[in-house]
PDB file of N, CA and C in Angstrom:
ATOM      1  N   MET A   1       5.360  19.010  -2.380  1.00  0.00           N
ATOM      2  CA  MET A   1       5.130  17.499  -1.227  1.00  0.00           C
ATOM      3  C   MET A   1       3.887  17.275  -1.917  1.00  0.00           C
ATOM      4  N   ALA A   2       3.985  15.508  -2.132  1.00  0.00           N
ATOM      5  CA  ALA A   2       3.098  15.374  -2.735  1.00  0.00           C
ATOM      6  C   ALA A   2       2.009  14.626  -2.018  1.00  0.00           C
ATOM      7  N   THR A   3       1.145  14.500  -2.544  1.00  0.00           N
ATOM      8  CA  THR A   3      -0.008  13.906  -1.947  1.00  0.00           C
ATOM      9  C   THR A   3      -0.851  12.193  -2.353  1.00  0.00           C
ATOM     10  N   ALA A   4      -1.056  11.548  -1.543  1.00  0.00           N
ATOM     11  CA  ALA A   4      -1.961  10.119  -2.881  1.00  0.00           C
ATOM     12  C   ALA A   4      -2.941   9.883  -2.271  1.00  0.00           C
ATOM     13  N   ILE A   5      -3.163   9.539  -3.324  1.00  0.00           N
ATOM     14  CA  ILE A   5      -6.242   9.650  -2.564  1.00  0.00           C
ATOM     15  C   ILE A   5      -6.126   8.036  -2.823  1.00  0.00           C
ATOM     16  N   LEU A   6      -6.492   7.328  -2.815  1.00  0.00           N
ATOM     17  CA  LEU A   6      -6.472   5.547  -3.083  1.00  0.00           C
ATOM     18  C   LEU A   6      -8.316   5.813  -2.257  1.00  0.00           C
ATOM     19  N   TRP A   7      -8.612   5.041  -2.654  1.00  0.00           N
ATOM     20  CA  TRP A   7     -10.111   4.737  -2.940  1.00  0.00           C
ATOM     21  C   TRP A   7     -11.014   3.318  -2.577  1.00  0.00           C
ATOM     22  N   ILE A   8     -11.774   2.578  -2.698  1.00  0.00           N
ATOM     23  CA  ILE A   8     -12.736   1.565  -2.882  1.00  0.00           C
ATOM     24  C   ILE A   8     -13.496   1.331  -4.132  1.00  0.00           C
ATOM     25  N   ARG A   9     -13.107   1.004  -4.505  1.00  0.00           N
ATOM     26  CA  ARG A   9     -14.036   0.677  -5.530  1.00  0.00           C
ATOM     27  C   ARG A   9     -14.443  -0.699  -5.251  1.00  0.00           C
ATOM     28  N   ASP A  10     -16.206  -1.047  -4.371  1.00  0.00           N
ATOM     29  CA  ASP A  10     -16.433  -2.010  -4.067  1.00  0.00           C
ATOM     30  C   ASP A  10     -16.797  -2.596  -5.584  1.00  0.00           C
ATOM     31  N   GLY A  11     -16.616  -3.050  -6.939  1.00  0.00           N
ATOM     32  CA  GLY A  11     -16.498  -3.442  -7.749  1.00  0.00           C
ATOM     33  C   GLY A  11     -18.141  -4.162  -7.706  1.00  0.00           C
ATOM     34  N   VAL A  12     -19.238  -3.544  -7.713  1.00  0.00           N
ATOM     35  CA  VAL A  12     -19.818  -3.560  -8.392  1.00  0.00           C
ATOM     36  C   VAL A  12     -20.950  -3.031  -9.689  1.00  0.00           C
ATOM     37  N   LEU A  13     -20.441  -2.449 -10.293  1.00  0.00           N
ATOM     38  CA  LEU A  13     -20.735  -1.909 -11.637  1.00  0.00           C
ATOM     39  C   LEU A  13     -19.479  -3.120 -12.181  1.00  0.00           C
ATOM     40  N   VAL A  14     -18.705  -2.714 -12.028  1.00  0.00           N
ATOM     41  CA  VAL A  14     -17.147  -3.381 -12.825  1.00  0.00           C
ATOM     42  C   VAL A  14     -16.231  -3.908 -11.731  1.00  0.00           C
ATOM     43  N   ASP A  15     -15.825  -4.816 -11.684  1.00  0.00           N
ATOM     44  CA  ASP A  15     -14.691  -5.428 -10.762  1.00  0.00           C
ATOM     45  C   ASP A  15     -13.861  -4.936 -11.128  1.00  0.00           C
ATOM     46  N   ARG A  16     -13.001  -4.210 -10.350  1.00  0.00           N
ATOM     47  CA  ARG A  16     -11.978  -3.992 -10.461  1.00  0.00           C
ATOM     48  C   ARG A  16     -10.851  -4.283  -9.486  1.00  0.00           C
ATOM     49  N   MET A  17     -11.200  -4.524  -8.442  1.00  0.00           N
ATOM     50  CA  MET A  17     -10.106  -4.469  -6.690  1.00  0.00           C
ATOM     51  C   MET A  17      -9.025  -5.167  -6.661  1.00  0.00           C
ATOM     52  N   HIS A  18      -8.842  -5.708  -8.422  1.00  0.00           N
ATOM     53  CA  HIS A  18      -7.416  -5.793  -8.262  1.00  0.00           C
ATOM     54  C   HIS A  18      -6.362  -4.927  -8.763  1.00  0.00           C
ATOM     55  N   ILE A  19      -7.173  -3.482  -8.966  1.00  0.00           N
ATOM     56  CA  ILE A  19      -7.035  -2.501  -9.029  1.00  0.00           C
ATOM     57  C   ILE A  19      -5.590  -1.570  -7.953  1.00  0.00           C
ATOM     58  N   ASN A  20      -7.097  -1.631  -6.477  1.00  0.00           N
ATOM     59  CA  ASN A  20      -7.091  -1.424  -5.514  1.00  0.00           C
ATOM     60  C   ASN A  20      -5.452  -2.709  -4.420  1.00  0.00           C
ATOM     61  N   PRO A  21      -4.270  -3.799  -4.279  1.00  0.00           N
ATOM     62  CA  PRO A  21      -3.709  -3.785  -4.676  1.00  0.00           C
ATOM     63  C   PRO A  21      -2.224  -3.136  -5.123  1.00  0.00           C
ATOM     64  N   VAL A  22      -2.623  -2.340  -5.973  1.00  0.00           N
ATOM     65  CA  VAL A  22      -1.525  -2.308  -6.684  1.00  0.00           C
ATOM     66  C   VAL A  22      -1.170  -0.386  -7.235  1.00  0.00           C
ATOM     67  N   ALA A  23      -2.990   0.166  -6.043  1.00  0.00           N
ATOM     68  CA  ALA A  23      -3.336   1.255  -5.618  1.00  0.00           C
ATOM     69  C   ALA A  23      -2.248   1.570  -4.253  1.00  0.00           C
ATOM     70  N   PHE A  24      -3.034   0.571  -3.152  1.00  0.00           N
ATOM     71  CA  PHE A  24      -1.701   0.345  -3.061  1.00  0.00           C
ATOM     72  C   PHE A  24      -0.230  -0.222  -2.623  1.00  0.00           C
ATOM     73  N   ALA A  25      -0.071  -0.384  -3.654  1.00  0.00           N
ATOM     74  CA  ALA A  25       1.884  -1.071  -3.823  1.00  0.00           C
ATOM     75  C   ALA A  25       1.907   0.204  -3.781  1.00  0.00           C
ATOM     76  N   PHE A  26       1.711   1.136  -5.092  1.00  0.00           N
ATOM     77  CA  PHE A  26       2.618   1.942  -5.648  1.00  0.00           C
ATOM     78  C   PHE A  26       2.804   3.575  -4.871  1.00  0.00           C
ATOM     79  N   ALA A  27       1.641   3.770  -4.088  1.00  0.00           N
ATOM     80  CA  ALA A  27       1.800   4.609  -2.542  1.00  0.00           C
ATOM     81  C   ALA A  27       2.259   4.385  -1.841  1.00  0.00           C
ATOM     82  N   VAL A  28       2.803   3.476  -1.383  1.00  0.00           N
ATOM     83  CA  VAL A  28       3.599   2.555  -0.504  1.00  0.00           C
ATOM     84  C   VAL A  28       4.924   2.340  -0.502  1.00  0.00           C
ATOM     85  N   TRP A  29       5.157   3.302  -2.259  1.00  0.00           N
ATOM     86  CA  TRP A  29       6.671   2.996  -2.479  1.00  0.00           C
ATOM     87  C   TRP A  29       6.751   3.967  -3.179  1.00  0.00           C
ATOM     88  N   VAL A  30       6.366   5.423  -2.784  1.00  0.00           N
ATOM     89  CA  VAL A  30       6.522   6.862  -3.238  1.00  0.00           C
ATOM     90  C   VAL A  30       6.482   7.090  -1.768  1.00  0.00           C
ATOM     91  N   PHE A  31       6.382   7.186  -1.326  1.00  0.00           N
ATOM     92  CA  PHE A  31       6.205   6.890   0.520  1.00  0.00           C
ATOM     93  C   PHE A  31       6.967   6.898   0.966  1.00  0.00           C
ATOM     94  N   SER A  32       7.999   5.802   1.013  1.00  0.00           N
ATOM     95  CA  SER A  32       8.905   5.124   0.959  1.00  0.00           C
ATOM     96  C   SER A  32      10.279   5.621   1.476  1.00  0.00           C
ATOM     97  N   ASN A  33      10.923   5.309   2.415  1.00  0.00           N
ATOM     98  CA  ASN A  33      12.533   5.727   1.818  1.00  0.00           C
ATOM     99  C   ASN A  33      13.156   4.587   1.618  1.00  0.00           C
ATOM    100  N   PRO A  34      14.302   5.828   0.715  1.00  0.00           N
ATOM    101  CA  PRO A  34      14.592   4.933  -0.623  1.00  0.00           C
ATOM    102  C   PRO A  34      15.760   3.411   0.196  1.00  0.00           C
ATOM    103  N   LYS A  35      16.113   3.766   1.657  1.00  0.00           N
ATOM    104  CA  LYS A  35      16.877   3.643   1.737  1.00  0.00           C
ATOM    105  C   LYS A  35      16.512   2.261   2.413  1.00  0.00           C
ATOM    106  N   LYS A  36      15.970   2.393   1.758  1.00  0.00           N
ATOM    107  CA  LYS A  36      15.006   1.100   3.866  1.00  0.00           C
ATOM    108  C   LYS A  36      14.323  -0.187   2.347  1.00  0.00           C
ATOM    109  N   ARG A  37      13.922   0.328   1.816  1.00  0.00           N
ATOM    110  CA  ARG A  37      13.214  -0.188   0.243  1.00  0.00           C
ATOM    111  C   ARG A  37      13.670  -1.020  -0.430  1.00  0.00           C
ATOM    112  N   LEU A  38      15.480  -1.136   0.214  1.00  0.00           N
ATOM    113  CA  LEU A  38      16.431  -2.251  -1.602  1.00  0.00           C
ATOM    114  C   LEU A  38      15.649  -3.523  -0.942  1.00  0.00           C
ATOM    115  N   ASN A  39      15.019  -4.499  -0.274  1.00  0.00           N
ATOM    116  CA  ASN A  39      14.856  -5.520  -0.426  1.00  0.00           C
ATOM    117  C   ASN A  39      13.121  -5.692  -1.247  1.00  0.00           C
ATOM    118  N   THR A  40      12.132  -4.989  -1.326  1.00  0.00           N
ATOM    119  CA  THR A  40      11.237  -4.736  -1.302  1.00  0.00           C
ATOM    120  C   THR A  40      11.179  -4.790  -3.319  1.00  0.00           C
ATOM    121  N   THR A  41      10.345  -5.130  -3.870  1.00  0.00           N
ATOM    122  CA  THR A  41       9.517  -4.980  -5.311  1.00  0.00           C
ATOM    123  C   THR A  41       8.419  -4.497  -5.146  1.00  0.00           C
ATOM    124  N   LEU A  42       7.755  -4.096  -6.433  1.00  0.00           N
ATOM    125  CA  LEU A  42       5.877  -3.703  -6.751  1.00  0.00           C
ATOM    126  C   LEU A  42       5.916  -4.819  -6.497  1.00  0.00           C
ATOM    127  N   GLU A  43       6.346  -5.107  -6.664  1.00  0.00           N
ATOM    128  CA  GLU A  43       6.001  -7.239  -7.330  1.00  0.00           C
ATOM    129  C   GLU A  43       5.587  -8.150  -5.652  1.00  0.00           C
ATOM    130  N   GLY A  44       6.470  -7.436  -4.792  1.00  0.00           N
ATOM    131  CA  GLY A  44       5.768  -7.829  -3.294  1.00  0.00           C
ATOM    132  C   GLY A  44       4.632  -6.860  -2.394  1.00  0.00           C
ATOM    133  N   LEU A  45       5.190  -5.260  -3.519  1.00  0.00           N
ATOM    134  CA  LEU A  45       4.367  -5.130  -2.301  1.00  0.00           C
ATOM    135  C   LEU A  45       2.718  -5.218  -3.169  1.00  0.00           C
ATOM    136  N   ILE A  46       2.382  -5.163  -3.826  1.00  0.00           N
ATOM    137  CA  ILE A  46       1.230  -5.710  -4.959  1.00  0.00           C
ATOM    138  C   ILE A  46       1.015  -7.747  -4.518  1.00  0.00           C
ATOM    139  N   ASN A  47       1.409  -8.142  -3.725  1.00  0.00           N
ATOM    140  CA  ASN A  47       1.027  -9.926  -3.359  1.00  0.00           C
ATOM    141  C   ASN A  47       0.500  -9.241  -1.957  1.00  0.00           C
ATOM    142  N   PHE A  48       1.324  -8.280  -1.700  1.00  0.00           N
ATOM    143  CA  PHE A  48       1.149  -8.681   0.358  1.00  0.00           C
ATOM    144  C   PHE A  48      -0.306  -7.953   0.266  1.00  0.00           C
ATOM    145  N   GLY A  49      -0.296  -6.562  -1.368  1.00  0.00           N
ATOM    146  CA  GLY A  49      -1.740  -5.602  -0.589  1.00  0.00           C
ATOM    147  C   GLY A  49      -3.390  -7.259  -1.021  1.00  0.00           C
ATOM    148  N   PHE A  50      -3.010  -7.888  -2.048  1.00  0.00           N
ATOM    149  CA  PHE A  50      -3.134  -8.807  -2.235  1.00  0.00           C
ATOM    150  C   PHE A  50      -4.244  -9.256  -1.503  1.00  0.00           C
ATOM    151  N   GLU A  51      -3.042 -10.796  -0.998  1.00  0.00           N
ATOM    152  CA  GLU A  51      -2.733 -11.247   0.942  1.00  0.00           C
ATOM    153  C   GLU A  51      -3.680 -10.060   1.862  1.00  0.00           C
ATOM    154  N   LYS A  52      -3.980  -9.156   2.507  1.00  0.00           N
ATOM    155  CA  LYS A  52      -4.437  -8.328   2.882  1.00  0.00           C
ATOM    156  C   LYS A  52      -5.898  -7.024   2.569  1.00  0.00           C
ATOM    157  N   SER A  53      -6.447  -8.051   1.817  1.00  0.00           N
ATOM    158  CA  SER A  53      -7.257  -7.735   0.517  1.00  0.00           C
ATOM    159  C   SER A  53      -8.521  -7.948   1.689  1.00  0.00           C
ATOM    160  N   GLY A  54      -9.805  -6.306   2.461  1.00  0.00           N
ATOM    161  CA  GLY A  54     -11.195  -6.673   3.031  1.00  0.00           C
ATOM    162  C   GLY A  54      -9.261  -5.493   4.135  1.00  0.00           C
ATOM    163  N   PHE A  55      -8.244  -5.534   4.119  1.00  0.00           N
ATOM    164  CA  PHE A  55      -8.019  -4.868   4.581  1.00  0.00           C
ATOM    165  C   PHE A  55      -7.783  -2.793   4.261  1.00  0.00           C
ATOM    166  N   ALA A  56      -8.040  -1.727   5.910  1.00  0.00           N
ATOM    167  CA  ALA A  56      -8.133  -0.398   5.280  1.00  0.00           C
ATOM    168  C   ALA A  56      -6.877  -0.391   4.806  1.00  0.00           C
ATOM    169  N   CYS A  57      -6.506   0.707   3.788  1.00  0.00           N
ATOM    170  CA  CYS A  57      -4.341   0.849   3.273  1.00  0.00           C
ATOM    171  C   CYS A  57      -4.252   1.378   4.036  1.00  0.00           C
ATOM    172  N   ALA A  58      -4.899   2.251   5.290  1.00  0.00           N
ATOM    173  CA  ALA A  58      -3.903   1.983   6.626  1.00  0.00           C
ATOM    174  C   ALA A  58      -3.356   1.576   7.188  1.00  0.00           C
ATOM    175  N   ASP A  59      -4.275   0.353   7.657  1.00  0.00           N
ATOM    176  CA  ASP A  59      -4.076  -1.477   8.561  1.00  0.00           C
ATOM    177  C   ASP A  59      -2.851  -1.724   6.773  1.00  0.00           C
ATOM    178  N   LYS A  60      -2.970  -1.885   6.368  1.00  0.00           N
ATOM    179  CA  LYS A  60      -2.243  -2.741   5.198  1.00  0.00           C
ATOM    180  C   LYS A  60      -0.982  -1.859   5.661  1.00  0.00           C
ATOM    181  N   MET A  61      -0.509   0.159   5.082  1.00  0.00           N
ATOM    182  CA  MET A  61       0.212   0.112   5.420  1.00  0.00           C
ATOM    183  C   MET A  61       1.134  -0.327   6.756  1.00  0.00           C
ATOM    184  N   GLN A  62       0.412  -0.533   7.755  1.00  0.00           N
ATOM    185  CA  GLN A  62       0.346  -0.860   8.928  1.00  0.00           C
ATOM    186  C   GLN A  62       1.349  -1.997   9.541  1.00  0.00           C
ATOM    187  N   MET A  63       0.331  -2.595   8.500  1.00  0.00           N
ATOM    188  CA  MET A  63       1.566  -4.430   8.151  1.00  0.00           C
ATOM    189  C   MET A  63       2.146  -4.978   7.826  1.00  0.00           C
ATOM    190  N   TYR A  64       1.889  -4.091   6.741  1.00  0.00           N
ATOM    191  CA  TYR A  64       3.647  -4.230   5.496  1.00  0.00           C
ATOM    192  C   TYR A  64       4.776  -3.921   6.868  1.00  0.00           C
ATOM    193  N   ASN A  65       4.708  -2.421   7.179  1.00  0.00           N
ATOM    194  CA  ASN A  65       6.429  -2.277   8.364  1.00  0.00           C
ATOM    195  C   ASN A  65       6.287  -3.625   9.471  1.00  0.00           C
ATOM    196  N   SER A  66       5.439  -3.331   9.786  1.00  0.00           N
ATOM    197  CA  SER A  66       5.650  -4.812  11.238  1.00  0.00           C
ATOM    198  C   SER A  66       6.034  -5.545  10.779  1.00  0.00           C
ATOM    199  N   GLU A  67       5.386  -6.531   9.554  1.00  0.00           N
ATOM    200  CA  GLU A  67       5.214  -7.958   9.612  1.00  0.00           C
ATOM    201  C   GLU A  67       6.454  -7.894   8.548  1.00  0.00           C
ATOM    202  N   CYS A  68       6.859  -7.298   7.099  1.00  0.00           N
ATOM    203  CA  CYS A  68       7.922  -7.253   6.301  1.00  0.00           C
ATOM    204  C   CYS A  68       8.942  -6.613   7.073  1.00  0.00           C
ATOM    205  N   HIS A  69       8.672  -5.041   6.317  1.00  0.00           N
ATOM    206  CA  HIS A  69       9.552  -3.966   6.145  1.00  0.00           C
ATOM    207  C   HIS A  69       9.522  -2.748   6.640  1.00  0.00           C
ATOM    208  N   ASP A  70       9.644  -2.458   7.413  1.00  0.00           N
ATOM    209  CA  ASP A  70       9.466  -1.422   7.885  1.00  0.00           C
ATOM    210  C   ASP A  70      10.116  -0.355   6.859  1.00  0.00           C
ATOM    211  N   ILE A  71       9.317   0.308   6.065  1.00  0.00           N
ATOM    212  CA  ILE A  71       9.852   1.475   4.609  1.00  0.00           C
ATOM    213  C   ILE A  71       8.593   2.011   5.019  1.00  0.00           C
ATOM    214  N   LEU A  72       8.277   2.467   5.804  1.00  0.00           N
ATOM    215  CA  LEU A  72       7.494   3.799   5.612  1.00  0.00           C
ATOM    216  C   LEU A  72       6.960   4.328   6.909  1.00  0.00           C
ATOM    217  N   THR A  73       8.267   5.024   7.111  1.00  0.00           N
ATOM    218  CA  THR A  73       8.093   5.982   8.397  1.00  0.00           C
ATOM    219  C   THR A  73       6.473   6.072   8.909  1.00  0.00           C
ATOM    220  N   ASP A  74       6.048   7.722   9.093  1.00  0.00           N
ATOM    221  CA  ASP A  74       5.292   6.953   9.329  1.00  0.00           C
ATOM    222  C   ASP A  74       4.038   7.846   8.501  1.00  0.00           C
ATOM    223  N   VAL A  75       3.026   6.677   8.824  1.00  0.00           N
ATOM    224  CA  VAL A  75       1.840   5.914   7.843  1.00  0.00           C
ATOM    225  C   VAL A  75       0.549   6.656   8.548  1.00  0.00           C
ATOM    226  N   GLY A  76       0.070   7.196   9.483  1.00  0.00           N
ATOM    227  CA  GLY A  76      -0.245   8.418   9.845  1.00  0.00           C
ATOM    228  C   GLY A  76      -0.893   9.484   9.031  1.00  0.00           C
ATOM    229  N   ARG A  77       0.759   9.751   9.045  1.00  0.00           N
ATOM    230  CA  ARG A  77       0.888  11.199   8.217  1.00  0.00           C
ATOM    231  C   ARG A  77       0.913  11.195   7.206  1.00  0.00           C
ATOM    232  N   LEU A  78       0.699  10.055   6.252  1.00  0.00           N
ATOM    233  CA  LEU A  78       0.465   9.368   4.958  1.00  0.00           C
ATOM    234  C   LEU A  78      -1.490   9.664   4.456  1.00  0.00           C
ATOM    235  N   LEU A  79      -2.244   9.634   5.885  1.00  0.00           N
ATOM    236  CA  LEU A  79      -3.328  10.013   5.672  1.00  0.00           C
ATOM    237  C   LEU A  79      -4.053  10.620   5.598  1.00  0.00           C
ATOM    238  N   GLN A  80      -3.706  11.737   6.363  1.00  0.00           N
ATOM    239  CA  GLN A  80      -4.477  12.929   7.116  1.00  0.00           C
ATOM    240  C   GLN A  80      -4.437  13.941   6.033  1.00  0.00           C
TER     241      GLN A  80
END
């Protein structure tokens, strides 16, 4: 079983906020259903992550499923 770990870097010492959307995109990509992500790109996921900056990763995943493409089958399981 694969495990993804995401954390928030607040940018106090070094501005790394650009890393969060990339980490979000790769986590979604790795744990998404390959058959459902045919119309999804990493670039699109990264841009979505930037647009939803400030939301928790789980919230972003749920928003992506409901607003764009339903590609994650069990967001809750991924975050345990």
